[in-house]
Amino acid sequence: MDYYQIISRNFQTTIETIALSVDSLAAPIELASQLMVGALLDDRKIIACGNGVDGALAQLFTINLMSRFEHDRPALPALTLGTDGYSVTAIAQSSNVNDIYSRQLRALGQVGDVLLCINSGGPASQLLRAVQAAHEREMRVVALSNTADNELGNLLQAGDVEIRCEAPRQPHIVELNTMTIHCLCELIEHSLFGNYEQD
């Protein structure tokens, strides 16, 4: 087996996927960042969720806001649903595993907050219910979706933003989602705290 060829092909496909996605993703990423900045300026918070690897990306996003992305600055209010294993198992046991995010949102979400919902795979009931719960709480939603999941985008309302990633394989969608999260963090920092001198 020629490992170099596998590695080279993966790198090349990732580069091509990212390059071909810029034009379709730039505008919704900008809109999503503006939505989040507006919420933060109104003393609201951003709540993120996702299943599996998408949950890890949700946590990456909130860590970058709570701590820092590239520069020292004040912490920004953000949290990831599903990171407390005890709460998740309690909800799954007493209610329904599909309610693990929606129940937490009904407890923690407030009017004007923003839900970042990440899905790199097919339809997921937990995420659909999370979006419905966010709307019940009069929250706006930013959905990182993909071509394998039309249901998530169909739930969005006026004022929500869909960032729809298209790629031939799920790992490349995850890579696009990671790029998107990093762009959102940079745009949020730039909008709230201005330019920084380059090192």
Protein backbone atom coordinates (compact mmCIF):
# COMPACT_ATOMS: atom_id res chain seq x y z
CA MET A 1 0.00 0.00 0.00
CA ASP A 2 1.33 3.40 -0.96
CA TYR A 3 0.57 5.57 2.06
CA TYR A 4 1.96 8.67 0.41
CA GLN A 5 -0.63 8.41 -2.36
CA ILE A 6 -3.47 8.13 0.16
CA ILE A 7 -2.16 11.09 2.14
CA SER A 8 -1.56 13.15 -0.99
CA ARG A 9 -5.04 12.41 -2.34
CA ASN A 10 -6.66 13.41 0.95
CA PHE A 11 -4.74 16.67 1.11
CA GLN A 12 -5.51 17.48 -2.51
CA THR A 13 -9.23 16.73 -2.12
CA THR A 14 -9.41 18.89 1.00
CA ILE A 15 -7.71 21.81 -0.75
CA GLU A 16 -10.05 21.53 -3.74
CA THR A 17 -13.16 21.22 -1.56
CA ILE A 18 -12.24 24.31 0.46
CA ALA A 19 -11.34 26.35 -2.62
CA LEU A 20 -14.60 25.47 -4.38
CA SER A 21 -16.67 26.31 -1.28
CA VAL A 22 -15.54 29.89 -0.65
CA ASP A 23 -18.05 31.58 -2.96
CA SER A 24 -21.07 29.67 -1.62
CA LEU A 25 -20.12 29.91 2.07
CA ALA A 26 -18.74 33.45 2.42
CA ALA A 27 -22.10 35.27 2.50
CA PRO A 28 -23.85 32.97 5.03
CA ILE A 29 -20.75 32.94 7.25
CA GLU A 30 -20.80 36.74 7.26
CA LEU A 31 -24.53 36.81 8.09
CA ALA A 32 -24.07 34.26 10.87
CA SER A 33 -21.22 36.26 12.41
CA GLN A 34 -23.34 39.43 12.34
CA LEU A 35 -26.22 37.59 14.00
CA MET A 36 -23.93 36.33 16.76
CA VAL A 37 -22.25 39.70 17.25
CA GLY A 38 -25.64 41.37 17.57
CA ALA A 39 -26.66 38.87 20.24
CA LEU A 40 -23.42 39.34 22.18
CA LEU A 41 -23.77 43.14 22.04
CA ASP A 42 -27.25 42.71 23.53
CA ASP A 43 -25.78 40.73 26.45
CA ARG A 44 -27.13 37.46 25.09
CA LYS A 45 -25.21 34.21 24.70
CA ILE A 46 -24.45 31.60 22.07
CA ILE A 47 -25.39 27.98 22.72
CA ALA A 48 -23.93 25.25 20.49
CA CYS A 49 -24.75 21.61 19.93
CA GLY A 50 -23.98 18.68 17.65
CA ASN A 51 -23.72 14.90 17.75
CA GLY A 52 -20.43 13.00 17.84
CA VAL A 53 -17.66 14.85 16.05
CA ASP A 54 -20.05 17.76 15.53
CA GLY A 55 -20.38 18.04 19.31
CA ALA A 56 -16.60 18.32 19.50
CA LEU A 57 -16.74 21.12 16.91
CA ALA A 58 -19.48 22.84 18.93
CA GLN A 59 -17.20 22.72 21.94
CA LEU A 60 -14.27 24.01 19.89
CA PHE A 61 -16.40 27.02 18.97
CA THR A 62 -17.51 27.82 22.51
CA ILE A 63 -14.00 27.30 23.91
CA ASN A 64 -12.70 29.85 21.41
CA LEU A 65 -15.32 32.35 22.58
CA MET A 66 -15.00 31.69 26.31
CA SER A 67 -11.21 31.66 26.28
CA ARG A 68 -9.70 33.24 23.18
CA PHE A 69 -9.29 32.59 19.49
CA GLU A 70 -6.10 34.37 18.48
CA HIS A 71 -5.86 37.34 20.85
CA ASP A 72 -6.34 38.13 24.52
CA ARG A 73 -9.69 39.80 25.07
CA PRO A 74 -12.67 39.55 27.45
CA ALA A 75 -14.47 36.20 27.64
CA LEU A 76 -17.64 35.89 25.60
CA PRO A 77 -20.74 34.05 26.90
CA ALA A 78 -21.07 30.69 25.15
CA LEU A 79 -21.82 27.12 26.17
CA THR A 80 -22.03 23.69 24.58
CA LEU A 81 -24.97 21.38 25.23
CA GLY A 82 -24.33 17.73 25.97
CA THR A 83 -20.94 18.06 27.66
CA ASP A 84 -22.35 17.14 31.08
CA GLY A 85 -22.68 13.37 30.86
CA TYR A 86 -24.79 13.12 34.00
CA SER A 87 -27.41 15.53 32.70
CA VAL A 88 -27.49 13.83 29.30
CA THR A 89 -28.01 10.36 30.77
CA ALA A 90 -30.61 11.65 33.22
CA ILE A 91 -32.62 13.28 30.41
CA ALA A 92 -32.26 10.20 28.20
CA GLN A 93 -33.42 7.93 31.04
CA SER A 94 -36.34 9.99 32.35
CA SER A 95 -37.51 11.60 29.13
CA ASN A 96 -36.16 10.62 25.72
CA VAL A 97 -32.71 10.48 24.16
CA ASN A 98 -34.04 12.76 21.40
CA ASP A 99 -34.64 15.47 24.02
CA ILE A 100 -31.07 15.73 25.30
CA TYR A 101 -30.57 19.16 23.71
CA SER A 102 -34.12 20.50 23.57
CA ARG A 103 -34.69 20.00 27.30
CA GLN A 104 -31.46 21.81 28.14
CA LEU A 105 -32.37 24.63 25.75
CA ARG A 106 -35.75 25.11 27.39
CA ALA A 107 -33.94 25.50 30.71
CA LEU A 108 -30.98 27.63 29.59
CA GLY A 109 -32.04 29.44 26.42
CA GLN A 110 -33.35 32.99 26.61
CA VAL A 111 -34.98 35.37 24.18
CA GLY A 112 -32.29 36.77 21.89
CA ASP A 113 -29.77 33.98 22.39
CA VAL A 114 -28.36 32.22 19.32
CA LEU A 115 -28.22 28.46 18.81
CA LEU A 116 -25.36 27.12 16.68
CA CYS A 117 -26.49 23.70 15.48
CA ILE A 118 -23.85 21.60 13.67
CA ASN A 119 -24.65 18.55 11.55
CA SER A 120 -22.18 16.91 9.18
CA GLY A 121 -24.29 13.75 8.72
CA GLY A 122 -27.86 12.77 7.96
CA PRO A 123 -31.02 13.92 9.78
CA ALA A 124 -30.79 13.74 13.58
CA SER A 125 -33.88 13.99 15.77
CA GLN A 126 -31.92 15.52 18.66
CA LEU A 127 -30.84 18.45 16.49
CA LEU A 128 -34.27 18.96 14.93
CA ARG A 129 -35.85 19.13 18.37
CA ALA A 130 -33.13 21.53 19.50
CA VAL A 131 -34.02 23.94 16.69
CA GLN A 132 -37.72 23.69 17.58
CA ALA A 133 -36.94 24.39 21.25
CA ALA A 134 -34.78 27.37 20.28
CA HIS A 135 -37.65 28.86 18.31
CA GLU A 136 -39.99 28.30 21.26
CA ARG A 137 -37.56 30.36 23.36
CA GLU A 138 -37.47 33.07 20.65
CA MET A 139 -33.85 32.35 19.84
CA ARG A 140 -32.28 32.67 16.40
CA VAL A 141 -30.54 29.67 14.85
CA VAL A 142 -27.35 29.26 12.83
CA ALA A 143 -27.28 25.81 11.22
CA LEU A 144 -24.13 24.25 9.80
CA SER A 145 -25.81 21.70 7.54
CA ASN A 146 -24.97 19.57 4.52
CA THR A 147 -26.57 18.01 1.45
CA ALA A 148 -27.41 14.78 3.32
CA ASP A 149 -29.72 16.66 5.73
CA ASN A 150 -32.53 18.72 4.23
CA GLU A 151 -34.69 18.52 7.36
CA LEU A 152 -32.55 20.85 9.45
CA GLY A 153 -32.66 23.64 6.87
CA ASN A 154 -36.42 23.20 6.43
CA LEU A 155 -36.97 24.08 10.11
CA LEU A 156 -35.24 27.45 9.88
CA GLN A 157 -37.27 30.65 10.11
CA ALA A 158 -36.83 34.22 8.97
CA GLY A 159 -33.79 35.65 10.73
CA ASP A 160 -32.03 32.28 10.96
CA VAL A 161 -28.94 31.46 8.88
CA GLU A 162 -28.06 28.21 7.13
CA ILE A 163 -24.43 27.52 6.24
CA ARG A 164 -24.74 24.54 3.92
CA CYS A 165 -21.53 22.64 3.25
CA GLU A 166 -21.22 20.45 0.18
CA ALA A 167 -18.51 17.80 -0.09
CA PRO A 168 -18.28 14.23 -1.42
CA ARG A 169 -17.37 12.69 1.96
CA GLN A 170 -18.34 13.43 5.55
CA PRO A 171 -14.72 14.00 6.66
CA HIS A 172 -14.51 16.86 4.17
CA ILE A 173 -17.75 18.34 5.50
CA VAL A 174 -16.22 18.21 8.99
CA GLU A 175 -13.17 20.03 7.62
CA LEU A 176 -15.39 22.70 6.06
CA ASN A 177 -17.28 23.04 9.34
CA THR A 178 -13.97 23.52 11.16
CA MET A 179 -12.95 26.23 8.70
CA THR A 180 -16.37 27.86 9.14
CA ILE A 181 -16.05 27.84 12.93
CA HIS A 182 -12.63 29.44 12.75
CA CYS A 183 -13.96 32.11 10.37
CA LEU A 184 -16.88 32.83 12.72
CA CYS A 185 -14.52 33.19 15.68
CA GLU A 186 -12.24 35.55 13.78
CA LEU A 187 -15.12 37.69 12.49
CA ILE A 188 -16.67 37.89 15.96
CA GLU A 189 -13.37 38.97 17.51
CA HIS A 190 -12.76 41.48 14.73
CA SER A 191 -16.26 42.97 15.01
CA LEU A 192 -16.21 43.29 18.80
CA PHE A 193 -12.59 44.17 19.47
CA GLY A 194 -11.21 45.58 16.23
CA ASN A 195 -7.99 44.92 14.39
CA TYR A 196 -4.87 43.62 16.06
CA GLU A 197 -1.32 44.31 15.02
CA GLN A 198 0.19 41.35 13.23
CA ASP A 199 2.99 39.64 15.13
